[in-house]
Amino acid sequence: MNTNRTAEITRNTNETQITVHVNLDGTGVAKLNTGIGFFDHMLDQIARHGLIDLQIQAVGDLHIDGHHTVEDVGIALGQAVHKAVGDKKGIRRYGHAYVPLDEALSRVVVDFSGRPGLEMHVPFKSGMIGAFDSQLAFEFFQGFVNHAFVTLHIDNLRGENAHHQAETVFKAFARALRMALELDPRSAGVIPSTKGTL
């Protein structure tokens, strides 16, 4: 079992230069700089509500748009979480959460299955949230699941304000991650699968 559940990933491409450091057993401390204010605000929700210490430094081609930066942060964060969780012995594996914010309500369910899959159903009421293109939320989570090797279901059940919709999604994601990654004292040292591997 990985008792030191931390990892650092550096991803450098012609479009982005990104460094991500995670501590899965943190207290929710975040140091974030992606150049996209609303995106930083959402990443802060992951740290705070997931109790994951998270450092992300990203420099991307924002003169084009935020697509490459957001997608590549998702990829690097997925890689970091995958590395930090190690062999998955003793984790709860599954996590779920409902989070409301005023009129908005979202549900997120995650499985550290070893199989990447995303079902995301969020009818954003606005195309832009500050300088953040709401379509990029999907790109972030797609990048994350492909490299964290998790199955992720995201449903925004209600919402009229796009900021509220996004915030409930990211907070519920954080809470679901926290539950799934938590070490279960009743299953210490056991891989939570009848296959014996994840």
N, C-alpha and C. Protein backbone atom coordinates (compact mmCIF):
# COMPACT_ATOMS: atom_id res chain seq x y z
N MET A 1 0.84 -1.20 0.00
CA MET A 1 0.00 0.00 0.00
C MET A 1 0.87 1.25 0.00
N ASN A 2 0.49 2.23 -0.75
CA ASN A 2 1.22 3.50 -0.80
C ASN A 2 0.85 4.32 0.44
N THR A 3 1.75 4.35 1.43
CA THR A 3 1.45 5.08 2.66
C THR A 3 1.72 6.58 2.51
N ASN A 4 2.55 6.94 1.54
CA ASN A 4 2.81 8.35 1.26
C ASN A 4 2.08 8.69 -0.03
N ARG A 5 0.82 9.08 0.11
CA ARG A 5 -0.02 9.23 -1.09
C ARG A 5 0.13 10.62 -1.67
N THR A 6 1.32 10.88 -2.18
CA THR A 6 1.64 12.15 -2.84
C THR A 6 2.22 11.85 -4.21
N ALA A 7 2.14 12.83 -5.09
CA ALA A 7 2.74 12.67 -6.42
C ALA A 7 2.94 14.04 -7.04
N GLU A 8 3.93 14.11 -7.91
CA GLU A 8 4.15 15.32 -8.70
C GLU A 8 4.29 14.92 -10.16
N ILE A 9 3.60 15.65 -11.01
CA ILE A 9 3.62 15.40 -12.45
C ILE A 9 3.98 16.70 -13.16
N THR A 10 4.87 16.61 -14.12
CA THR A 10 5.18 17.74 -15.00
C THR A 10 4.80 17.33 -16.43
N ARG A 11 4.03 18.21 -17.07
CA ARG A 11 3.60 17.95 -18.45
C ARG A 11 3.97 19.17 -19.29
N ASN A 12 4.85 18.97 -20.25
CA ASN A 12 5.28 20.04 -21.13
C ASN A 12 4.97 19.68 -22.58
N THR A 13 4.20 20.53 -23.23
CA THR A 13 3.91 20.36 -24.65
C THR A 13 4.18 21.70 -25.35
N ASN A 14 3.95 21.72 -26.65
CA ASN A 14 4.09 22.98 -27.38
C ASN A 14 2.99 23.97 -27.02
N GLU A 15 1.94 23.48 -26.33
CA GLU A 15 0.79 24.33 -26.00
C GLU A 15 0.75 24.73 -24.53
N THR A 16 1.26 23.85 -23.65
CA THR A 16 1.17 24.11 -22.21
C THR A 16 2.41 23.59 -21.48
N GLN A 17 2.68 24.24 -20.35
CA GLN A 17 3.70 23.76 -19.41
C GLN A 17 3.03 23.72 -18.04
N ILE A 18 2.90 22.50 -17.49
CA ILE A 18 2.08 22.30 -16.30
C ILE A 18 2.83 21.46 -15.28
N THR A 19 2.75 21.89 -14.02
CA THR A 19 3.24 21.09 -12.90
C THR A 19 2.11 20.94 -11.90
N VAL A 20 1.87 19.69 -11.50
CA VAL A 20 0.82 19.38 -10.53
C VAL A 20 1.43 18.57 -9.40
N HIS A 21 1.14 18.99 -8.17
CA HIS A 21 1.53 18.22 -6.99
C HIS A 21 0.28 17.95 -6.17
N VAL A 22 0.07 16.68 -5.78
CA VAL A 22 -1.09 16.33 -4.96
C VAL A 22 -0.66 15.57 -3.71
N ASN A 23 -1.41 15.79 -2.64
CA ASN A 23 -1.32 14.99 -1.42
C ASN A 23 -2.75 14.56 -1.11
N LEU A 24 -3.03 13.28 -1.32
CA LEU A 24 -4.39 12.78 -1.15
C LEU A 24 -4.85 12.79 0.29
N ASP A 25 -3.92 12.88 1.23
CA ASP A 25 -4.25 12.90 2.65
C ASP A 25 -3.97 14.26 3.25
N GLY A 26 -4.31 15.30 2.51
CA GLY A 26 -4.04 16.66 2.94
C GLY A 26 -5.17 17.27 3.75
N THR A 27 -5.16 18.58 3.79
CA THR A 27 -6.18 19.32 4.55
C THR A 27 -6.94 20.31 3.67
N GLY A 28 -6.70 20.25 2.36
CA GLY A 28 -7.43 21.13 1.45
C GLY A 28 -6.70 22.40 1.09
N VAL A 29 -5.39 22.43 1.30
CA VAL A 29 -4.60 23.61 0.96
C VAL A 29 -4.34 23.63 -0.54
N ALA A 30 -4.56 24.78 -1.16
CA ALA A 30 -4.38 24.89 -2.60
C ALA A 30 -3.51 26.09 -2.97
N LYS A 31 -2.62 25.86 -3.93
CA LYS A 31 -1.84 26.94 -4.55
C LYS A 31 -2.03 26.76 -6.05
N LEU A 32 -2.78 27.66 -6.66
CA LEU A 32 -3.25 27.46 -8.02
C LEU A 32 -2.96 28.67 -8.89
N ASN A 33 -2.48 28.41 -10.09
CA ASN A 33 -2.28 29.50 -11.04
C ASN A 33 -2.34 28.93 -12.45
N THR A 34 -3.54 28.99 -13.04
CA THR A 34 -3.71 28.50 -14.41
C THR A 34 -3.87 29.65 -15.41
N GLY A 35 -4.03 30.86 -14.90
CA GLY A 35 -4.29 32.00 -15.77
C GLY A 35 -5.76 32.20 -16.09
N ILE A 36 -6.61 31.29 -15.59
CA ILE A 36 -8.07 31.40 -15.80
C ILE A 36 -8.71 31.44 -14.41
N GLY A 37 -9.17 32.61 -14.03
CA GLY A 37 -9.63 32.83 -12.66
C GLY A 37 -10.72 31.87 -12.21
N PHE A 38 -11.74 31.69 -13.04
CA PHE A 38 -12.85 30.82 -12.64
C PHE A 38 -12.39 29.37 -12.52
N PHE A 39 -11.49 28.95 -13.41
CA PHE A 39 -10.96 27.59 -13.35
C PHE A 39 -10.18 27.38 -12.04
N ASP A 40 -9.38 28.36 -11.66
CA ASP A 40 -8.68 28.29 -10.36
C ASP A 40 -9.69 28.14 -9.22
N HIS A 41 -10.78 28.87 -9.31
CA HIS A 41 -11.84 28.81 -8.29
C HIS A 41 -12.42 27.39 -8.21
N MET A 42 -12.60 26.74 -9.34
CA MET A 42 -13.14 25.37 -9.37
C MET A 42 -12.11 24.37 -8.85
N LEU A 43 -10.86 24.53 -9.22
CA LEU A 43 -9.82 23.65 -8.71
C LEU A 43 -9.68 23.79 -7.19
N ASP A 44 -9.90 25.00 -6.69
CA ASP A 44 -9.86 25.23 -5.25
C ASP A 44 -10.96 24.44 -4.54
N GLN A 45 -12.10 24.28 -5.22
CA GLN A 45 -13.19 23.47 -4.64
C GLN A 45 -12.75 22.01 -4.50
N ILE A 46 -12.01 21.51 -5.50
CA ILE A 46 -11.53 20.13 -5.44
C ILE A 46 -10.63 19.94 -4.23
N ALA A 47 -9.73 20.87 -4.03
CA ALA A 47 -8.82 20.78 -2.88
C ALA A 47 -9.59 20.89 -1.56
N ARG A 48 -10.38 21.93 -1.44
CA ARG A 48 -11.04 22.24 -0.17
C ARG A 48 -12.03 21.15 0.24
N HIS A 49 -12.86 20.73 -0.70
CA HIS A 49 -13.91 19.77 -0.35
C HIS A 49 -13.46 18.32 -0.48
N GLY A 50 -12.35 18.10 -1.19
CA GLY A 50 -11.79 16.76 -1.28
C GLY A 50 -10.73 16.48 -0.24
N LEU A 51 -10.37 17.53 0.53
CA LEU A 51 -9.27 17.45 1.49
C LEU A 51 -8.00 16.92 0.84
N ILE A 52 -7.76 17.45 -0.35
CA ILE A 52 -6.56 17.14 -1.12
C ILE A 52 -5.70 18.39 -1.18
N ASP A 53 -4.45 18.30 -0.75
CA ASP A 53 -3.54 19.43 -0.95
C ASP A 53 -3.15 19.43 -2.42
N LEU A 54 -3.29 20.59 -3.05
CA LEU A 54 -3.18 20.67 -4.50
C LEU A 54 -2.38 21.90 -4.91
N GLN A 55 -1.30 21.66 -5.63
CA GLN A 55 -0.52 22.75 -6.22
C GLN A 55 -0.54 22.57 -7.74
N ILE A 56 -1.00 23.59 -8.44
CA ILE A 56 -1.02 23.53 -9.90
C ILE A 56 -0.48 24.84 -10.45
N GLN A 57 0.57 24.74 -11.25
CA GLN A 57 1.13 25.87 -11.96
C GLN A 57 1.02 25.57 -13.44
N ALA A 58 0.31 26.39 -14.17
CA ALA A 58 0.09 26.13 -15.60
C ALA A 58 0.32 27.39 -16.42
N VAL A 59 1.07 27.24 -17.48
CA VAL A 59 1.26 28.30 -18.46
C VAL A 59 0.80 27.73 -19.80
N GLY A 60 -0.21 28.35 -20.37
CA GLY A 60 -0.77 27.82 -21.61
C GLY A 60 -0.99 28.89 -22.65
N ASP A 61 -1.44 28.47 -23.81
CA ASP A 61 -1.65 29.38 -24.94
C ASP A 61 -3.02 30.07 -24.82
N LEU A 62 -3.16 30.85 -23.76
CA LEU A 62 -4.43 31.52 -23.50
C LEU A 62 -4.73 32.61 -24.52
N HIS A 63 -3.74 33.02 -25.31
CA HIS A 63 -4.01 33.98 -26.38
C HIS A 63 -4.90 33.35 -27.46
N ILE A 64 -4.93 32.00 -27.49
CA ILE A 64 -5.85 31.31 -28.40
C ILE A 64 -7.19 31.13 -27.68
N ASP A 65 -7.20 30.33 -26.65
CA ASP A 65 -8.34 30.20 -25.75
C ASP A 65 -7.90 29.30 -24.59
N GLY A 66 -8.83 28.93 -23.73
CA GLY A 66 -8.46 28.16 -22.55
C GLY A 66 -8.45 26.66 -22.75
N HIS A 67 -8.78 26.18 -23.95
CA HIS A 67 -9.00 24.75 -24.17
C HIS A 67 -7.80 23.90 -23.78
N HIS A 68 -6.64 24.20 -24.33
CA HIS A 68 -5.47 23.36 -24.08
C HIS A 68 -5.06 23.39 -22.61
N THR A 69 -5.17 24.55 -21.99
CA THR A 69 -4.79 24.67 -20.58
C THR A 69 -5.70 23.83 -19.70
N VAL A 70 -7.00 23.96 -19.89
CA VAL A 70 -7.95 23.24 -19.04
C VAL A 70 -7.84 21.73 -19.27
N GLU A 71 -7.78 21.32 -20.52
CA GLU A 71 -7.68 19.89 -20.83
C GLU A 71 -6.39 19.29 -20.26
N ASP A 72 -5.28 19.99 -20.44
CA ASP A 72 -4.00 19.46 -20.01
C ASP A 72 -3.86 19.45 -18.49
N VAL A 73 -4.50 20.40 -17.81
CA VAL A 73 -4.53 20.34 -16.34
C VAL A 73 -5.31 19.10 -15.90
N GLY A 74 -6.41 18.80 -16.58
CA GLY A 74 -7.16 17.59 -16.27
C GLY A 74 -6.32 16.34 -16.46
N ILE A 75 -5.57 16.29 -17.55
CA ILE A 75 -4.68 15.16 -17.82
C ILE A 75 -3.63 15.02 -16.73
N ALA A 76 -2.96 16.12 -16.41
CA ALA A 76 -1.88 16.07 -15.41
C ALA A 76 -2.41 15.75 -14.02
N LEU A 77 -3.58 16.30 -13.67
CA LEU A 77 -4.17 15.98 -12.37
C LEU A 77 -4.55 14.50 -12.32
N GLY A 78 -5.11 13.97 -13.41
CA GLY A 78 -5.43 12.55 -13.46
C GLY A 78 -4.19 11.69 -13.27
N GLN A 79 -3.11 12.05 -13.94
CA GLN A 79 -1.86 11.30 -13.80
C GLN A 79 -1.34 11.36 -12.36
N ALA A 80 -1.45 12.52 -11.75
CA ALA A 80 -0.95 12.68 -10.38
C ALA A 80 -1.78 11.86 -9.39
N VAL A 81 -3.10 11.90 -9.54
CA VAL A 81 -3.96 11.12 -8.64
C VAL A 81 -3.70 9.63 -8.83
N HIS A 82 -3.58 9.19 -10.08
CA HIS A 82 -3.31 7.78 -10.37
C HIS A 82 -2.00 7.33 -9.71
N LYS A 83 -0.98 8.16 -9.81
CA LYS A 83 0.32 7.83 -9.22
C LYS A 83 0.24 7.83 -7.69
N ALA A 84 -0.46 8.81 -7.14
CA ALA A 84 -0.52 8.95 -5.68
C ALA A 84 -1.32 7.84 -5.02
N VAL A 85 -2.36 7.36 -5.68
CA VAL A 85 -3.21 6.33 -5.08
C VAL A 85 -2.54 4.96 -5.07
N GLY A 86 -1.54 4.78 -5.91
CA GLY A 86 -0.74 3.56 -5.88
C GLY A 86 -1.54 2.32 -6.23
N ASP A 87 -1.37 1.25 -5.46
CA ASP A 87 -2.00 -0.03 -5.79
C ASP A 87 -3.47 -0.11 -5.38
N LYS A 88 -3.97 0.93 -4.74
CA LYS A 88 -5.39 1.05 -4.36
C LYS A 88 -5.79 0.14 -3.19
N LYS A 89 -4.83 -0.50 -2.58
CA LYS A 89 -5.16 -1.34 -1.43
C LYS A 89 -5.74 -0.50 -0.31
N GLY A 90 -6.87 -0.95 0.22
CA GLY A 90 -7.45 -0.31 1.39
C GLY A 90 -8.35 0.87 1.12
N ILE A 91 -8.45 1.32 -0.15
CA ILE A 91 -9.34 2.46 -0.41
C ILE A 91 -10.78 1.99 -0.51
N ARG A 92 -11.70 2.92 -0.34
CA ARG A 92 -13.12 2.57 -0.45
C ARG A 92 -13.52 2.31 -1.91
N ARG A 93 -12.80 2.87 -2.84
CA ARG A 93 -12.97 2.68 -4.29
C ARG A 93 -14.12 3.50 -4.86
N TYR A 94 -15.30 3.40 -4.29
CA TYR A 94 -16.47 4.12 -4.79
C TYR A 94 -16.71 5.38 -3.96
N GLY A 95 -17.17 6.42 -4.62
CA GLY A 95 -17.57 7.63 -3.90
C GLY A 95 -18.72 8.30 -4.62
N HIS A 96 -19.56 8.97 -3.85
CA HIS A 96 -20.69 9.69 -4.45
C HIS A 96 -21.02 10.89 -3.59
N ALA A 97 -21.61 11.89 -4.22
CA ALA A 97 -22.01 13.09 -3.47
C ALA A 97 -23.08 13.85 -4.25
N TYR A 98 -24.00 14.42 -3.49
CA TYR A 98 -24.94 15.42 -3.98
C TYR A 98 -24.54 16.74 -3.35
N VAL A 99 -24.46 17.79 -4.15
CA VAL A 99 -24.14 19.12 -3.61
C VAL A 99 -25.10 20.15 -4.19
N PRO A 100 -25.76 20.92 -3.30
CA PRO A 100 -26.61 22.02 -3.76
C PRO A 100 -25.88 23.36 -3.64
N LEU A 101 -26.29 24.30 -4.44
CA LEU A 101 -25.91 25.71 -4.27
C LEU A 101 -27.08 26.54 -4.77
N ASP A 102 -27.81 27.10 -3.83
CA ASP A 102 -29.02 27.83 -4.16
C ASP A 102 -29.94 26.95 -5.03
N GLU A 103 -30.22 27.36 -6.25
CA GLU A 103 -31.18 26.63 -7.08
C GLU A 103 -30.56 25.41 -7.78
N ALA A 104 -29.23 25.31 -7.74
CA ALA A 104 -28.52 24.26 -8.48
C ALA A 104 -28.26 23.04 -7.60
N LEU A 105 -28.29 21.87 -8.23
CA LEU A 105 -28.04 20.61 -7.53
C LEU A 105 -27.34 19.66 -8.49
N SER A 106 -26.22 19.09 -8.05
CA SER A 106 -25.49 18.14 -8.89
C SER A 106 -25.15 16.88 -8.11
N ARG A 107 -25.05 15.79 -8.87
CA ARG A 107 -24.66 14.49 -8.32
C ARG A 107 -23.46 13.98 -9.08
N VAL A 108 -22.46 13.51 -8.33
CA VAL A 108 -21.27 12.92 -8.95
C VAL A 108 -20.99 11.57 -8.28
N VAL A 109 -20.72 10.57 -9.11
CA VAL A 109 -20.38 9.22 -8.64
C VAL A 109 -19.08 8.80 -9.32
N VAL A 110 -18.13 8.27 -8.52
CA VAL A 110 -16.84 7.88 -9.07
C VAL A 110 -16.50 6.46 -8.63
N ASP A 111 -15.81 5.75 -9.51
CA ASP A 111 -15.32 4.41 -9.24
C ASP A 111 -13.87 4.34 -9.69
N PHE A 112 -12.95 4.04 -8.76
CA PHE A 112 -11.54 3.85 -9.11
C PHE A 112 -11.37 2.44 -9.68
N SER A 113 -11.96 2.26 -10.84
CA SER A 113 -12.16 0.96 -11.46
C SER A 113 -10.95 0.48 -12.25
N GLY A 114 -10.08 1.39 -12.63
CA GLY A 114 -9.01 1.06 -13.57
C GLY A 114 -9.46 1.18 -15.02
N ARG A 115 -10.73 1.55 -15.21
CA ARG A 115 -11.29 1.69 -16.56
C ARG A 115 -11.80 3.12 -16.74
N PRO A 116 -11.19 3.87 -17.66
CA PRO A 116 -11.64 5.25 -17.86
C PRO A 116 -12.99 5.31 -18.54
N GLY A 117 -13.89 6.10 -17.99
CA GLY A 117 -15.20 6.31 -18.60
C GLY A 117 -15.86 7.52 -18.01
N LEU A 118 -16.47 8.32 -18.86
CA LEU A 118 -17.13 9.55 -18.42
C LEU A 118 -18.53 9.63 -18.99
N GLU A 119 -19.49 9.84 -18.10
CA GLU A 119 -20.86 10.21 -18.48
C GLU A 119 -21.14 11.55 -17.81
N MET A 120 -21.25 12.59 -18.60
CA MET A 120 -21.44 13.93 -18.05
C MET A 120 -22.65 14.59 -18.69
N HIS A 121 -23.61 14.96 -17.88
CA HIS A 121 -24.84 15.56 -18.36
C HIS A 121 -25.09 16.85 -17.58
N VAL A 122 -24.58 17.94 -18.13
CA VAL A 122 -24.67 19.25 -17.49
C VAL A 122 -25.13 20.27 -18.53
N PRO A 123 -26.41 20.63 -18.54
CA PRO A 123 -26.92 21.60 -19.52
C PRO A 123 -26.65 23.04 -19.05
N PHE A 124 -25.42 23.48 -19.25
CA PHE A 124 -25.04 24.82 -18.78
C PHE A 124 -25.95 25.88 -19.40
N LYS A 125 -26.37 26.82 -18.56
CA LYS A 125 -27.28 27.88 -19.00
C LYS A 125 -26.56 29.04 -19.66
N SER A 126 -25.23 29.00 -19.62
CA SER A 126 -24.44 30.07 -20.25
C SER A 126 -23.19 29.46 -20.85
N GLY A 127 -22.76 30.01 -21.99
CA GLY A 127 -21.55 29.53 -22.64
C GLY A 127 -20.29 29.94 -21.92
N MET A 128 -20.30 31.12 -21.32
CA MET A 128 -19.12 31.63 -20.63
C MET A 128 -19.44 31.88 -19.16
N ILE A 129 -18.50 31.54 -18.30
CA ILE A 129 -18.58 31.85 -16.88
C ILE A 129 -17.32 32.64 -16.57
N GLY A 130 -17.43 33.94 -16.49
CA GLY A 130 -16.23 34.77 -16.46
C GLY A 130 -15.46 34.55 -17.75
N ALA A 131 -14.16 34.22 -17.62
CA ALA A 131 -13.33 33.94 -18.80
C ALA A 131 -13.26 32.45 -19.09
N PHE A 132 -14.13 31.67 -18.47
CA PHE A 132 -14.11 30.21 -18.60
C PHE A 132 -15.24 29.76 -19.52
N ASP A 133 -14.89 29.05 -20.60
CA ASP A 133 -15.87 28.49 -21.51
C ASP A 133 -16.47 27.25 -20.84
N SER A 134 -17.77 27.25 -20.61
CA SER A 134 -18.39 26.16 -19.86
C SER A 134 -18.21 24.80 -20.54
N GLN A 135 -18.00 24.78 -21.86
CA GLN A 135 -17.74 23.51 -22.55
C GLN A 135 -16.46 22.84 -22.08
N LEU A 136 -15.56 23.63 -21.52
CA LEU A 136 -14.26 23.09 -21.11
C LEU A 136 -14.35 22.26 -19.84
N ALA A 137 -15.46 22.35 -19.11
CA ALA A 137 -15.63 21.48 -17.95
C ALA A 137 -15.58 20.02 -18.40
N PHE A 138 -16.24 19.72 -19.51
CA PHE A 138 -16.20 18.36 -20.05
C PHE A 138 -14.78 17.95 -20.41
N GLU A 139 -14.04 18.85 -21.04
CA GLU A 139 -12.67 18.53 -21.46
C GLU A 139 -11.78 18.26 -20.25
N PHE A 140 -11.98 19.01 -19.18
CA PHE A 140 -11.22 18.79 -17.94
C PHE A 140 -11.49 17.39 -17.39
N PHE A 141 -12.77 17.05 -17.25
CA PHE A 141 -13.11 15.76 -16.66
C PHE A 141 -12.73 14.60 -17.59
N GLN A 142 -12.84 14.81 -18.91
CA GLN A 142 -12.41 13.76 -19.84
C GLN A 142 -10.92 13.50 -19.71
N GLY A 143 -10.13 14.56 -19.64
CA GLY A 143 -8.69 14.40 -19.44
C GLY A 143 -8.39 13.70 -18.13
N PHE A 144 -9.13 14.06 -17.09
CA PHE A 144 -8.90 13.45 -15.77
C PHE A 144 -9.19 11.95 -15.79
N VAL A 145 -10.37 11.56 -16.28
CA VAL A 145 -10.74 10.14 -16.22
C VAL A 145 -9.82 9.28 -17.08
N ASN A 146 -9.39 9.81 -18.22
CA ASN A 146 -8.52 9.03 -19.11
C ASN A 146 -7.18 8.70 -18.49
N HIS A 147 -6.74 9.55 -17.55
CA HIS A 147 -5.40 9.37 -16.98
C HIS A 147 -5.42 8.96 -15.51
N ALA A 148 -6.55 9.14 -14.83
CA ALA A 148 -6.70 8.61 -13.48
C ALA A 148 -7.26 7.19 -13.53
N PHE A 149 -7.76 6.78 -14.69
CA PHE A 149 -8.35 5.46 -14.89
C PHE A 149 -9.53 5.23 -13.94
N VAL A 150 -10.47 6.18 -13.98
CA VAL A 150 -11.67 6.09 -13.16
C VAL A 150 -12.90 6.15 -14.05
N THR A 151 -14.00 5.61 -13.52
CA THR A 151 -15.31 5.79 -14.13
C THR A 151 -16.00 6.92 -13.38
N LEU A 152 -16.55 7.89 -14.12
CA LEU A 152 -17.10 9.09 -13.51
C LEU A 152 -18.44 9.43 -14.13
N HIS A 153 -19.45 9.56 -13.28
CA HIS A 153 -20.78 9.98 -13.72
C HIS A 153 -21.10 11.33 -13.09
N ILE A 154 -21.41 12.31 -13.92
CA ILE A 154 -21.71 13.67 -13.46
C ILE A 154 -23.06 14.07 -14.00
N ASP A 155 -23.96 14.45 -13.10
CA ASP A 155 -25.29 14.90 -13.51
C ASP A 155 -25.66 16.17 -12.77
N ASN A 156 -25.93 17.22 -13.53
CA ASN A 156 -26.52 18.42 -12.94
C ASN A 156 -28.03 18.24 -12.99
N LEU A 157 -28.64 18.10 -11.83
CA LEU A 157 -30.06 17.77 -11.75
C LEU A 157 -30.94 19.00 -11.86
N ARG A 158 -30.45 20.13 -11.35
CA ARG A 158 -31.18 21.40 -11.43
C ARG A 158 -30.17 22.53 -11.52
N GLY A 159 -30.60 23.64 -12.10
CA GLY A 159 -29.74 24.81 -12.11
C GLY A 159 -30.14 25.80 -13.18
N GLU A 160 -30.14 27.07 -12.81
CA GLU A 160 -30.45 28.15 -13.74
C GLU A 160 -29.27 29.09 -13.93
N ASN A 161 -28.32 29.04 -13.01
CA ASN A 161 -27.15 29.91 -13.06
C ASN A 161 -25.92 29.06 -13.36
N ALA A 162 -25.20 29.35 -14.43
CA ALA A 162 -24.09 28.51 -14.87
C ALA A 162 -22.97 28.43 -13.84
N HIS A 163 -22.73 29.55 -13.14
CA HIS A 163 -21.72 29.54 -12.08
C HIS A 163 -22.12 28.54 -11.01
N HIS A 164 -23.37 28.56 -10.61
CA HIS A 164 -23.85 27.63 -9.59
C HIS A 164 -23.80 26.19 -10.09
N GLN A 165 -24.17 25.99 -11.34
CA GLN A 165 -24.11 24.64 -11.91
C GLN A 165 -22.69 24.08 -11.85
N ALA A 166 -21.74 24.87 -12.32
CA ALA A 166 -20.34 24.42 -12.33
C ALA A 166 -19.83 24.18 -10.92
N GLU A 167 -20.16 25.08 -10.01
CA GLU A 167 -19.63 24.95 -8.65
C GLU A 167 -20.18 23.71 -7.96
N THR A 168 -21.47 23.40 -8.18
CA THR A 168 -22.00 22.18 -7.57
C THR A 168 -21.35 20.94 -8.18
N VAL A 169 -21.04 20.96 -9.46
CA VAL A 169 -20.37 19.83 -10.10
C VAL A 169 -18.98 19.62 -9.50
N PHE A 170 -18.20 20.67 -9.40
CA PHE A 170 -16.82 20.52 -8.90
C PHE A 170 -16.80 20.18 -7.41
N LYS A 171 -17.73 20.74 -6.64
CA LYS A 171 -17.79 20.39 -5.21
C LYS A 171 -18.22 18.94 -5.03
N ALA A 172 -19.20 18.50 -5.79
CA ALA A 172 -19.64 17.11 -5.67
C ALA A 172 -18.54 16.15 -6.14
N PHE A 173 -17.81 16.53 -7.17
CA PHE A 173 -16.66 15.74 -7.62
C PHE A 173 -15.65 15.60 -6.50
N ALA A 174 -15.37 16.70 -5.83
CA ALA A 174 -14.40 16.69 -4.72
C ALA A 174 -14.86 15.77 -3.60
N ARG A 175 -16.13 15.87 -3.24
CA ARG A 175 -16.67 15.04 -2.15
C ARG A 175 -16.67 13.56 -2.53
N ALA A 176 -16.99 13.27 -3.78
CA ALA A 176 -16.97 11.88 -4.24
C ALA A 176 -15.55 11.33 -4.23
N LEU A 177 -14.59 12.13 -4.69
CA LEU A 177 -13.18 11.73 -4.65
C LEU A 177 -12.75 11.43 -3.22
N ARG A 178 -13.10 12.34 -2.32
CA ARG A 178 -12.72 12.17 -0.91
C ARG A 178 -13.23 10.83 -0.37
N MET A 179 -14.47 10.50 -0.66
CA MET A 179 -15.05 9.24 -0.18
C MET A 179 -14.33 8.05 -0.80
N ALA A 180 -14.12 8.07 -2.12
CA ALA A 180 -13.53 6.93 -2.81
C ALA A 180 -12.08 6.68 -2.39
N LEU A 181 -11.35 7.76 -2.13
CA LEU A 181 -9.93 7.64 -1.81
C LEU A 181 -9.67 7.39 -0.33
N GLU A 182 -10.71 7.50 0.49
CA GLU A 182 -10.55 7.31 1.92
C GLU A 182 -10.12 5.88 2.21
N LEU A 183 -9.21 5.71 3.15
CA LEU A 183 -8.77 4.39 3.55
C LEU A 183 -9.80 3.78 4.49
N ASP A 184 -10.23 2.57 4.19
CA ASP A 184 -11.24 1.87 4.96
C ASP A 184 -10.54 0.94 5.96
N PRO A 185 -10.64 1.23 7.27
CA PRO A 185 -9.93 0.40 8.25
C PRO A 185 -10.37 -1.06 8.25
N ARG A 186 -11.57 -1.33 7.76
CA ARG A 186 -12.05 -2.71 7.70
C ARG A 186 -11.47 -3.48 6.52
N SER A 187 -10.86 -2.75 5.59
CA SER A 187 -10.29 -3.40 4.39
C SER A 187 -8.82 -3.04 4.21
N ALA A 188 -8.13 -2.85 5.32
CA ALA A 188 -6.72 -2.45 5.26
C ALA A 188 -5.91 -3.47 4.47
N GLY A 189 -5.17 -2.99 3.50
CA GLY A 189 -4.30 -3.85 2.72
C GLY A 189 -4.99 -4.71 1.69
N VAL A 190 -6.31 -4.50 1.51
CA VAL A 190 -7.08 -5.32 0.58
C VAL A 190 -7.45 -4.50 -0.64
N ILE A 191 -7.27 -5.08 -1.82
CA ILE A 191 -7.71 -4.42 -3.04
C ILE A 191 -9.23 -4.63 -3.16
N PRO A 192 -10.01 -3.54 -3.27
CA PRO A 192 -11.48 -3.66 -3.25
C PRO A 192 -12.05 -4.16 -4.58
N SER A 193 -11.72 -5.39 -4.92
CA SER A 193 -12.24 -6.01 -6.14
C SER A 193 -12.12 -7.52 -6.01
N THR A 194 -13.13 -8.23 -6.51
CA THR A 194 -13.06 -9.70 -6.51
C THR A 194 -12.01 -10.19 -7.51
N LYS A 195 -11.60 -9.32 -8.44
CA LYS A 195 -10.55 -9.69 -9.40
C LYS A 195 -9.19 -9.78 -8.73
N GLY A 196 -9.02 -9.03 -7.62
CA GLY A 196 -7.74 -8.97 -6.97
C GLY A 196 -6.82 -7.90 -7.53
N THR A 197 -7.33 -7.15 -8.48
CA THR A 197 -6.55 -6.05 -9.06
C THR A 197 -7.49 -4.99 -9.59
N LEU A 198 -7.02 -3.76 -9.61
CA LEU A 198 -7.79 -2.65 -10.18
C LEU A 198 -6.87 -1.84 -11.08
